Amino acid sequence: MLCFLIAIGLAICGLSACFDKSERPEHTAASDSTVPDKRQTQTFIGPHHEQTRQYSYYAFERESQWDSLNELKVYGRPAAAFSAHPDYKIFGWHVYAGGSAYRSYNFDLLWAVAYFSYDLDPHSGGYKTIHQWKNSALVDSAHRHGCKVFLTVTNFGEKNNRIFLDKPKAQRQLGDSLTALLRLRGAAGINIDFESVPGSHRQQFADWIISLSKRLKTANPAWQVSLALYAVDYHKVFDIAAIDSHIDFYTLMGYDYYGGFSQVAGPVAPLHSSTMWGEASIESSVNYYLNAGIRAGKLILGLPYYGAEWRVADEKLPSAARRFISHPPYRFVKHKYADSLKMKFRLDEQSASTYLSFKGPAGDERQLWYDDSLSLAIKYEWIKSKGLAGPGIWALGYDHGHEELWNLLGREFGRVVE
């Protein structure tokens, strides 16, 4: 049982999904249900950043070590009846801590997978770690099925971004390092994921993106450069007009609208703006970037394969958050609540998200929000109606052992294998 609990380290907040952390700070009730001002500060930690912080406690050097920790089982290849459709791009991130979970991925259905990640040393431009990039069979498996492989480049925190963007020598070193690593694995390009870039460095950020794109495309014109966009660009760090001609496609992080920073419990990925859930939503984020000049066909909408659980004041919507508990992955939500306890989730039509109100072990009121095949189907139809490139998955493997989300992707964006 203990090993199973450890396996929940595949959650976006790692081991916090397994235990009720009583030392977590309380969140007080809010008079409104919009995303609070705390999200606009540099203290906000996004899901990708939190992922890296949690897993840094493990100094594993082999995928087999992650497999052992996670008690990983291979369940075969789901959605085998579908292959990639030429009109859509299904994009997913593989987090190194997933070990060899990729053995269950349907690479025939995926357009591309991004290995997470090249963890940047902002002082030198080299990497703190690239995990198993040099030898992971993920790359070979994807290539055998015609699936592109990208290397995600990460730099988190305002301080780290200031350091790197003020160091031309480090920027040149990063370009050289990426060139070598992409060649080594026959990769298709990079996915830039720099979070908490200060607004004061907007120009430096744009200049660096342009310079790096030119550097890589000189080395190999076929390489693609993609950029991860914030759900809400509060500090206006993306100069789309300047960088767009140098970016092949964008991946919008369409999640974490509500989370540990929220004063109320709410949907991780609300589809529409509403009186109940506020202006910030997937729809408002997408429209913002389209209005900034991004063509719909260049925008992949990332959606969460994880949820958010709170202790709350009562059963109503929205309910004041008393304490944030965890970000459980889809597989944990299904195992603990939907399958084992047979709890019935409800669809919140305003946000197109599923939620559960229930009693915790101590009789406390709780709410859990996540996306299942019903809510994701609504969002997938919306992606098609907007003419977007396709869906993104944060992260592949969070649904390990469950086939329904793969089958949904196949039905919505795939092509039936004859």
Protein backbone atom coordinates (compact mmCIF):
# COMPACT_ATOMS: atom_id res chain seq x y z
CA MET A 1 0.00 0.00 0.00
CA LEU A 2 2.83 2.38 0.83
CA CYS A 3 4.39 1.79 -2.59
CA PHE A 4 1.06 2.59 -4.23
CA LEU A 5 0.89 5.88 -2.38
CA ILE A 6 4.40 6.72 -3.49
CA ALA A 7 3.33 6.05 -7.04
CA ILE A 8 1.10 9.06 -6.89
CA GLY A 9 4.31 11.02 -7.34
CA LEU A 10 3.17 11.22 -10.95
CA ALA A 11 0.86 13.98 -9.77
CA ILE A 12 1.71 17.46 -10.85
CA CYS A 13 2.55 18.29 -7.28
CA GLY A 14 4.29 14.99 -6.75
CA LEU A 15 3.95 13.35 -3.36
CA SER A 16 1.56 16.00 -2.08
CA ALA A 17 -1.23 14.10 -3.85
CA CYS A 18 -0.89 11.24 -1.38
CA PHE A 19 -1.10 12.89 2.00
CA ASP A 20 -3.15 15.54 3.75
CA LYS A 21 -0.45 18.11 4.50
CA SER A 22 -1.68 19.80 7.65
CA GLU A 23 1.15 22.32 7.48
CA ARG A 24 -0.18 23.81 4.25
CA PRO A 25 -1.23 27.46 4.75
CA GLU A 26 -4.90 28.24 5.10
CA HIS A 27 -6.69 30.13 2.34
CA THR A 28 -9.32 32.57 3.48
CA ALA A 29 -12.65 33.13 1.81
CA ALA A 30 -12.96 35.69 -0.95
CA SER A 31 -15.79 38.08 -1.72
CA ASP A 32 -15.57 37.25 -5.43
CA SER A 33 -14.78 34.18 -7.50
CA THR A 34 -12.25 35.56 -9.96
CA VAL A 35 -8.63 34.47 -10.13
CA PRO A 36 -7.05 36.35 -7.21
CA ASP A 37 -4.36 38.99 -7.43
CA LYS A 38 -1.78 36.59 -5.96
CA ARG A 39 -1.59 34.93 -9.36
CA GLN A 40 -0.31 38.17 -10.84
CA THR A 41 2.71 38.28 -8.54
CA GLN A 42 6.08 36.67 -9.01
CA THR A 43 5.27 34.27 -6.14
CA PHE A 44 2.92 32.26 -8.35
CA ILE A 45 4.32 28.82 -9.11
CA GLY A 46 2.92 27.20 -12.26
CA PRO A 47 2.28 23.46 -12.62
CA HIS A 48 5.38 22.81 -14.72
CA HIS A 49 7.58 24.63 -12.20
CA GLU A 50 5.97 22.82 -9.28
CA GLN A 51 6.55 19.54 -11.10
CA THR A 52 10.27 20.23 -11.28
CA ARG A 53 10.53 21.31 -7.63
CA GLN A 54 8.81 18.21 -6.32
CA TYR A 55 10.79 15.69 -8.37
CA SER A 56 14.13 17.33 -7.63
CA TYR A 57 14.22 15.39 -4.37
CA TYR A 58 15.01 12.24 -6.33
CA ALA A 59 18.46 11.92 -7.89
CA PHE A 60 17.48 9.03 -10.15
CA GLU A 61 19.62 8.43 -13.22
CA ARG A 62 17.63 5.62 -14.87
CA GLU A 63 14.04 5.22 -16.01
CA SER A 64 13.92 1.86 -14.26
CA GLN A 65 14.33 3.66 -10.93
CA TRP A 66 11.22 5.74 -11.61
CA ASP A 67 9.39 2.60 -12.73
CA SER A 68 10.31 0.89 -9.46
CA LEU A 69 9.21 3.88 -7.38
CA ASN A 70 5.94 4.13 -9.27
CA GLU A 71 5.32 0.36 -9.41
CA LEU A 72 4.72 0.96 -13.10
CA LYS A 73 2.74 -1.61 -15.00
CA VAL A 74 2.51 -1.72 -18.77
CA TYR A 75 -1.06 -2.07 -19.96
CA GLY A 76 -0.52 -2.28 -23.69
CA ARG A 77 -1.29 0.35 -26.29
CA PRO A 78 -4.74 1.99 -25.98
CA ALA A 79 -6.69 3.55 -28.86
CA ALA A 80 -4.95 1.19 -31.29
CA ALA A 81 -7.84 1.58 -33.72
CA PHE A 82 -6.81 5.19 -34.42
CA SER A 83 -3.86 6.92 -36.04
CA ALA A 84 -2.88 10.55 -36.47
CA HIS A 85 -5.14 12.70 -38.63
CA PRO A 86 -3.39 15.11 -41.03
CA ASP A 87 -5.73 17.96 -40.03
CA TYR A 88 -4.87 17.90 -36.30
CA LYS A 89 -1.79 17.94 -34.12
CA ILE A 90 -2.05 15.98 -30.86
CA PHE A 91 0.87 17.10 -28.69
CA GLY A 92 1.86 15.67 -25.31
CA TRP A 93 4.57 16.24 -22.72
CA HIS A 94 6.40 13.24 -21.33
CA VAL A 95 7.75 14.04 -17.87
CA TYR A 96 10.98 12.20 -17.07
CA ALA A 97 9.54 11.04 -13.74
CA GLY A 98 7.07 8.93 -15.69
CA GLY A 99 9.90 6.51 -16.37
CA SER A 100 8.97 4.16 -19.18
CA ALA A 101 5.24 4.89 -19.09
CA TYR A 102 5.67 5.73 -22.78
CA ARG A 103 5.50 2.01 -23.50
CA SER A 104 1.73 2.45 -23.25
CA TYR A 105 1.51 5.58 -25.43
CA ASN A 106 -0.18 5.37 -28.81
CA PHE A 107 2.54 7.13 -30.81
CA ASP A 108 0.57 6.44 -34.00
CA LEU A 109 -2.07 8.87 -32.71
CA LEU A 110 0.30 11.54 -31.40
CA TRP A 111 1.68 14.18 -33.76
CA ALA A 112 4.51 14.98 -31.36
CA VAL A 113 5.80 14.35 -27.86
CA ALA A 114 7.98 16.77 -25.89
CA TYR A 115 10.52 15.35 -23.46
CA PHE A 116 10.47 17.32 -20.19
CA SER A 117 13.11 18.67 -19.81
CA TYR A 118 16.42 20.43 -20.40
CA ASP A 119 16.73 22.10 -16.99
CA LEU A 120 18.66 25.27 -17.78
CA ASP A 121 21.59 26.56 -15.76
CA PRO A 122 20.91 30.29 -16.23
CA HIS A 123 24.49 31.29 -15.41
CA SER A 124 26.18 29.17 -18.07
CA GLY A 125 23.49 28.25 -20.60
CA GLY A 126 24.33 24.59 -20.05
CA TYR A 127 22.00 22.24 -18.26
CA LYS A 128 21.64 21.27 -14.65
CA THR A 129 20.21 18.01 -15.92
CA ILE A 130 18.63 16.60 -19.06
CA HIS A 131 17.55 13.44 -17.21
CA GLN A 132 17.41 10.48 -19.64
CA TRP A 133 17.30 12.46 -22.90
CA LYS A 134 20.48 10.89 -24.26
CA ASN A 135 19.34 7.29 -23.93
CA SER A 136 15.59 7.14 -23.37
CA ALA A 137 13.85 4.61 -25.61
CA LEU A 138 10.97 7.11 -25.73
CA VAL A 139 12.69 8.81 -28.66
CA ASP A 140 13.23 5.60 -30.60
CA SER A 141 9.69 4.40 -29.91
CA ALA A 142 8.17 7.66 -31.13
CA HIS A 143 10.29 7.72 -34.29
CA ARG A 144 9.31 4.15 -35.20
CA HIS A 145 5.70 5.34 -35.37
CA GLY A 146 6.33 8.60 -37.20
CA CYS A 147 5.81 10.73 -34.09
CA LYS A 148 7.97 13.85 -33.77
CA VAL A 149 10.06 14.38 -30.64
CA PHE A 150 10.81 17.78 -29.11
CA LEU A 151 13.06 18.71 -26.22
CA THR A 152 11.45 21.08 -23.72
CA VAL A 153 13.81 23.77 -22.40
CA THR A 154 12.82 25.04 -18.95
CA ASN A 155 13.83 28.03 -16.85
CA PHE A 156 11.71 28.89 -13.83
CA GLY A 157 11.56 31.88 -11.52
CA GLU A 158 12.04 35.61 -12.00
CA LYS A 159 15.61 35.56 -10.70
CA ASN A 160 16.74 32.77 -13.03
CA ASN A 161 15.16 34.46 -16.02
CA ARG A 162 16.78 37.80 -15.23
CA ILE A 163 20.17 36.12 -14.93
CA PHE A 164 19.91 34.23 -18.20
CA LEU A 165 18.39 37.04 -20.27
CA ASP A 166 21.18 39.38 -19.15
CA LYS A 167 23.94 36.93 -20.21
CA PRO A 168 24.62 36.81 -23.99
CA LYS A 169 27.39 34.27 -23.46
CA ALA A 170 25.00 31.89 -21.68
CA GLN A 171 22.50 32.34 -24.49
CA ARG A 172 25.09 31.34 -27.08
CA GLN A 173 26.07 28.32 -25.02
CA LEU A 174 22.45 27.19 -24.82
CA GLY A 175 22.18 27.38 -28.60
CA ASP A 176 25.29 25.25 -29.03
CA SER A 177 24.13 22.73 -26.44
CA LEU A 178 20.66 22.36 -27.95
CA THR A 179 22.11 21.93 -31.42
CA ALA A 180 24.21 19.00 -30.23
CA LEU A 181 21.37 17.38 -28.27
CA LEU A 182 18.83 17.65 -31.08
CA ARG A 183 21.29 16.10 -33.51
CA LEU A 184 22.11 13.33 -31.06
CA ARG A 185 18.50 12.05 -30.95
CA GLY A 186 17.28 13.14 -34.37
CA ALA A 187 14.75 15.43 -32.70
CA ALA A 188 12.28 17.72 -34.47
CA GLY A 189 13.04 20.82 -32.41
CA ILE A 190 12.42 22.48 -29.05
CA ASN A 191 9.59 23.63 -26.82
CA ILE A 192 10.57 26.74 -24.84
CA ASP A 193 9.01 26.84 -21.36
CA PHE A 194 10.30 29.91 -19.48
CA GLU A 195 8.05 30.87 -16.58
CA SER A 196 7.96 34.01 -14.42
CA VAL A 197 9.82 36.08 -16.99
CA PRO A 198 9.68 39.65 -15.61
CA GLY A 199 7.87 42.24 -17.68
CA SER A 200 10.99 44.41 -17.55
CA HIS A 201 12.74 41.80 -19.72
CA ARG A 202 10.10 41.59 -22.45
CA GLN A 203 12.52 42.96 -25.07
CA GLN A 204 15.40 40.73 -24.00
CA PHE A 205 13.09 37.72 -24.06
CA ALA A 206 11.93 38.46 -27.60
CA ASP A 207 15.47 39.14 -28.81
CA TRP A 208 16.71 35.86 -27.36
CA ILE A 209 13.86 33.83 -28.90
CA ILE A 210 14.57 35.34 -32.32
CA SER A 211 18.30 34.75 -31.99
CA LEU A 212 17.86 31.13 -30.86
CA SER A 213 15.38 30.37 -33.61
CA LYS A 214 17.77 31.71 -36.25
CA ARG A 215 20.65 29.75 -34.71
CA LEU A 216 18.79 26.45 -34.75
CA LYS A 217 17.29 26.88 -38.20
CA THR A 218 20.72 27.70 -39.60
CA ALA A 219 21.97 24.44 -38.14
CA ASN A 220 18.96 22.52 -39.49
CA PRO A 221 16.17 24.28 -41.43
CA ALA A 222 13.78 21.42 -40.60
CA TRP A 223 13.96 22.02 -36.86
CA GLN A 224 10.89 23.63 -35.33
CA VAL A 225 10.82 26.13 -32.48
CA SER A 226 7.73 26.19 -30.27
CA LEU A 227 6.86 28.35 -27.28
CA ALA A 228 4.74 27.59 -24.21
CA LEU A 229 2.33 30.44 -23.46
CA TYR A 230 0.93 31.35 -20.04
CA ALA A 231 -2.80 31.00 -19.52
CA VAL A 232 -2.79 34.70 -18.63
CA ASP A 233 0.12 36.89 -19.69
CA TYR A 234 -0.22 39.29 -16.75
CA HIS A 235 3.16 40.93 -17.25
CA LYS A 236 2.92 41.15 -21.06
CA VAL A 237 6.18 39.28 -21.62
CA PHE A 238 5.23 37.84 -25.04
CA ASP A 239 5.88 40.24 -27.91
CA ILE A 240 3.93 38.21 -30.44
CA ALA A 241 4.36 40.71 -33.26
CA ALA A 242 8.13 40.45 -32.95
CA ILE A 243 8.56 36.72 -32.46
CA ASP A 244 5.72 35.15 -34.45
CA SER A 245 7.63 34.71 -37.71
CA HIS A 246 10.33 32.84 -35.76
CA ILE A 247 7.93 30.46 -33.95
CA ASP A 248 6.55 27.41 -35.73
CA PHE A 249 3.78 26.73 -33.22
CA TYR A 250 2.66 27.66 -29.72
CA THR A 251 1.51 25.49 -26.81
CA LEU A 252 -0.94 27.32 -24.55
CA MET A 253 -0.96 26.12 -20.94
CA GLY A 254 -4.75 26.11 -20.61
CA TYR A 255 -4.87 25.07 -16.97
CA ASP A 256 -4.28 26.15 -13.36
CA TYR A 257 -6.91 28.87 -13.47
CA TYR A 258 -7.77 27.69 -9.96
CA GLY A 259 -5.30 25.98 -7.63
CA GLY A 260 -3.34 26.39 -4.43
CA PHE A 261 -3.37 30.18 -4.83
CA SER A 262 -7.18 30.40 -5.12
CA GLN A 263 -9.45 31.82 -2.47
CA VAL A 264 -12.27 29.61 -3.72
CA ALA A 265 -12.30 26.07 -5.04
CA GLY A 266 -12.93 25.95 -8.74
CA PRO A 267 -12.25 24.42 -12.16
CA VAL A 268 -8.64 23.81 -13.17
CA ALA A 269 -9.52 24.59 -16.78
CA PRO A 270 -12.80 26.54 -17.17
CA LEU A 271 -13.78 26.71 -20.82
CA HIS A 272 -15.81 29.92 -20.81
CA SER A 273 -15.82 33.15 -18.86
CA SER A 274 -18.79 33.39 -16.52
CA THR A 275 -20.26 35.33 -13.63
CA MET A 276 -19.50 32.44 -11.32
CA TRP A 277 -15.89 31.70 -12.33
CA GLY A 278 -14.71 35.07 -13.58
CA GLU A 279 -13.24 36.40 -16.80
CA ALA A 280 -10.11 34.21 -16.91
CA SER A 281 -10.88 31.09 -18.93
CA ILE A 282 -9.59 28.98 -21.80
CA GLU A 283 -11.76 30.97 -24.17
CA SER A 284 -10.48 34.34 -22.97
CA SER A 285 -6.86 33.09 -23.09
CA VAL A 286 -7.19 31.77 -26.63
CA ASN A 287 -8.92 34.94 -27.82
CA TYR A 288 -6.22 37.07 -26.23
CA TYR A 289 -3.46 35.35 -28.17
CA LEU A 290 -5.46 35.25 -31.41
CA ASN A 291 -6.06 38.98 -31.08
CA ALA A 292 -2.33 39.43 -30.47
CA GLY A 293 -1.68 38.02 -33.93
CA ILE A 294 -1.24 34.26 -33.51
CA ARG A 295 -2.91 32.28 -36.27
CA ALA A 296 -5.34 29.66 -34.93
CA GLY A 297 -3.61 26.91 -36.89
CA LYS A 298 -0.36 27.60 -34.99
CA LEU A 299 -1.92 27.28 -31.53
CA ILE A 300 -2.10 23.98 -29.62
CA LEU A 301 -4.30 24.12 -26.52
CA GLY A 302 -2.78 22.25 -23.57
CA LEU A 303 -5.33 20.69 -21.21
CA PRO A 304 -4.85 19.08 -17.79
CA TYR A 305 -4.79 15.38 -17.02
CA TYR A 306 -4.82 16.31 -13.33
CA GLY A 307 -7.26 17.83 -10.85
CA ALA A 308 -7.33 20.00 -7.74
CA GLU A 309 -8.70 19.17 -4.29
CA TRP A 310 -9.58 21.55 -1.45
CA ARG A 311 -11.10 21.60 1.99
CA VAL A 312 -13.96 24.04 1.58
CA ALA A 313 -16.52 25.94 3.64
CA ASP A 314 -19.61 24.20 2.22
CA GLU A 315 -21.04 22.37 -0.78
CA LYS A 316 -22.07 25.42 -2.78
CA LEU A 317 -20.42 26.69 -5.96
CA PRO A 318 -18.15 28.51 -5.56
CA SER A 319 -17.11 27.59 -2.04
CA ALA A 320 -14.45 29.39 0.00
CA ALA A 321 -11.19 27.44 0.08
CA ARG A 322 -10.17 26.59 3.64
CA ARG A 323 -7.09 24.60 2.67
CA PHE A 324 -5.61 23.39 -0.61
CA ILE A 325 -4.79 19.67 -0.49
CA SER A 326 -3.23 18.46 -3.74
CA HIS A 327 -3.17 18.18 -7.53
CA PRO A 328 -4.02 14.48 -8.07
CA PRO A 329 -3.42 12.98 -11.53
CA TYR A 330 -6.29 11.49 -13.49
CA ARG A 331 -5.31 7.91 -12.61
CA PHE A 332 -5.48 8.66 -8.89
CA VAL A 333 -8.86 10.38 -9.14
CA LYS A 334 -10.26 7.43 -11.05
CA HIS A 335 -8.82 4.84 -8.69
CA LYS A 336 -9.68 6.49 -5.39
CA TYR A 337 -12.99 8.15 -6.10
CA ALA A 338 -14.65 7.03 -9.31
CA ASP A 339 -13.72 3.33 -9.29
CA SER A 340 -13.07 2.36 -5.66
CA LEU A 341 -15.62 4.54 -3.85
CA LYS A 342 -18.06 4.74 -6.78
CA MET A 343 -18.55 8.45 -6.22
CA LYS A 344 -20.52 10.29 -8.89
CA PHE A 345 -18.96 13.38 -10.38
CA ARG A 346 -21.15 16.18 -11.67
CA LEU A 347 -20.66 18.40 -14.68
CA ASP A 348 -20.51 22.14 -14.08
CA GLU A 349 -21.91 23.46 -17.33
CA GLN A 350 -20.59 27.00 -16.92
CA SER A 351 -16.96 25.83 -16.88
CA ALA A 352 -17.40 22.53 -18.74
CA SER A 353 -15.55 20.81 -15.88
CA THR A 354 -16.39 17.92 -13.58
CA TYR A 355 -16.39 18.16 -9.80
CA LEU A 356 -17.16 16.20 -6.68
CA SER A 357 -18.39 17.49 -3.32
CA PHE A 358 -17.82 15.01 -0.50
CA LYS A 359 -16.85 14.51 3.14
CA GLY A 360 -13.18 14.07 4.02
CA PRO A 361 -11.86 11.54 6.58
CA ALA A 362 -12.49 13.97 9.43
CA GLY A 363 -15.97 14.85 8.23
CA ASP A 364 -14.74 18.06 6.62
CA GLU A 365 -16.29 19.44 3.44
CA ARG A 366 -14.19 18.90 0.31
CA GLN A 367 -14.33 19.63 -3.39
CA LEU A 368 -12.35 17.99 -6.16
CA TRP A 369 -12.25 19.42 -9.68
CA TYR A 370 -10.81 17.68 -12.72
CA ASP A 371 -11.47 16.88 -16.36
CA ASP A 372 -12.82 13.53 -17.52
CA SER A 373 -13.91 12.18 -20.89
CA LEU A 374 -17.18 14.13 -20.70
CA SER A 375 -15.69 17.55 -20.00
CA LEU A 376 -12.70 17.00 -22.29
CA ALA A 377 -15.05 16.04 -25.13
CA ILE A 378 -16.73 19.44 -24.81
CA LYS A 379 -13.34 21.19 -24.87
CA TYR A 380 -12.13 19.11 -27.81
CA GLU A 381 -15.20 20.09 -29.83
CA TRP A 382 -14.48 23.72 -28.96
CA ILE A 383 -10.87 23.35 -30.17
CA LYS A 384 -12.18 22.17 -33.53
CA SER A 385 -14.78 24.95 -33.71
CA LYS A 386 -12.02 27.54 -33.20
CA GLY A 387 -9.81 26.01 -35.88
CA LEU A 388 -6.93 25.46 -33.46
CA ALA A 389 -4.07 23.12 -34.36
CA GLY A 390 -5.09 20.51 -31.81
CA PRO A 391 -4.97 19.47 -28.15
CA GLY A 392 -1.98 19.33 -25.83
CA ILE A 393 -1.73 16.92 -22.89
CA TRP A 394 -0.16 17.84 -19.55
CA ALA A 395 0.95 15.27 -19.03
CA LEU A 396 1.19 11.95 -20.80
CA GLY A 397 1.11 9.06 -18.36
CA TYR A 398 -1.07 10.80 -15.77
CA ASP A 399 -3.86 8.49 -16.98
CA HIS A 400 -1.68 5.37 -17.02
CA GLY A 401 -3.82 2.24 -16.82
CA HIS A 402 -6.96 3.93 -18.18
CA GLU A 403 -7.87 3.88 -21.86
CA GLU A 404 -10.85 6.23 -22.06
CA LEU A 405 -8.89 9.46 -22.63
CA TRP A 406 -6.82 7.87 -25.39
CA ASN A 407 -9.97 6.56 -27.04
CA LEU A 408 -11.56 10.00 -26.78
CA LEU A 409 -8.55 11.58 -28.47
CA GLY A 410 -8.81 9.00 -31.23
CA ARG A 411 -12.50 9.64 -31.82
CA GLU A 412 -12.14 13.43 -31.78
CA PHE A 413 -8.82 13.97 -33.54
CA GLY A 414 -7.69 10.65 -34.99
CA ARG A 415 -8.26 8.64 -38.10
CA VAL A 416 -9.72 5.14 -37.97
CA VAL A 417 -7.19 2.48 -38.88
CA GLU A 418 -8.54 0.34 -41.69
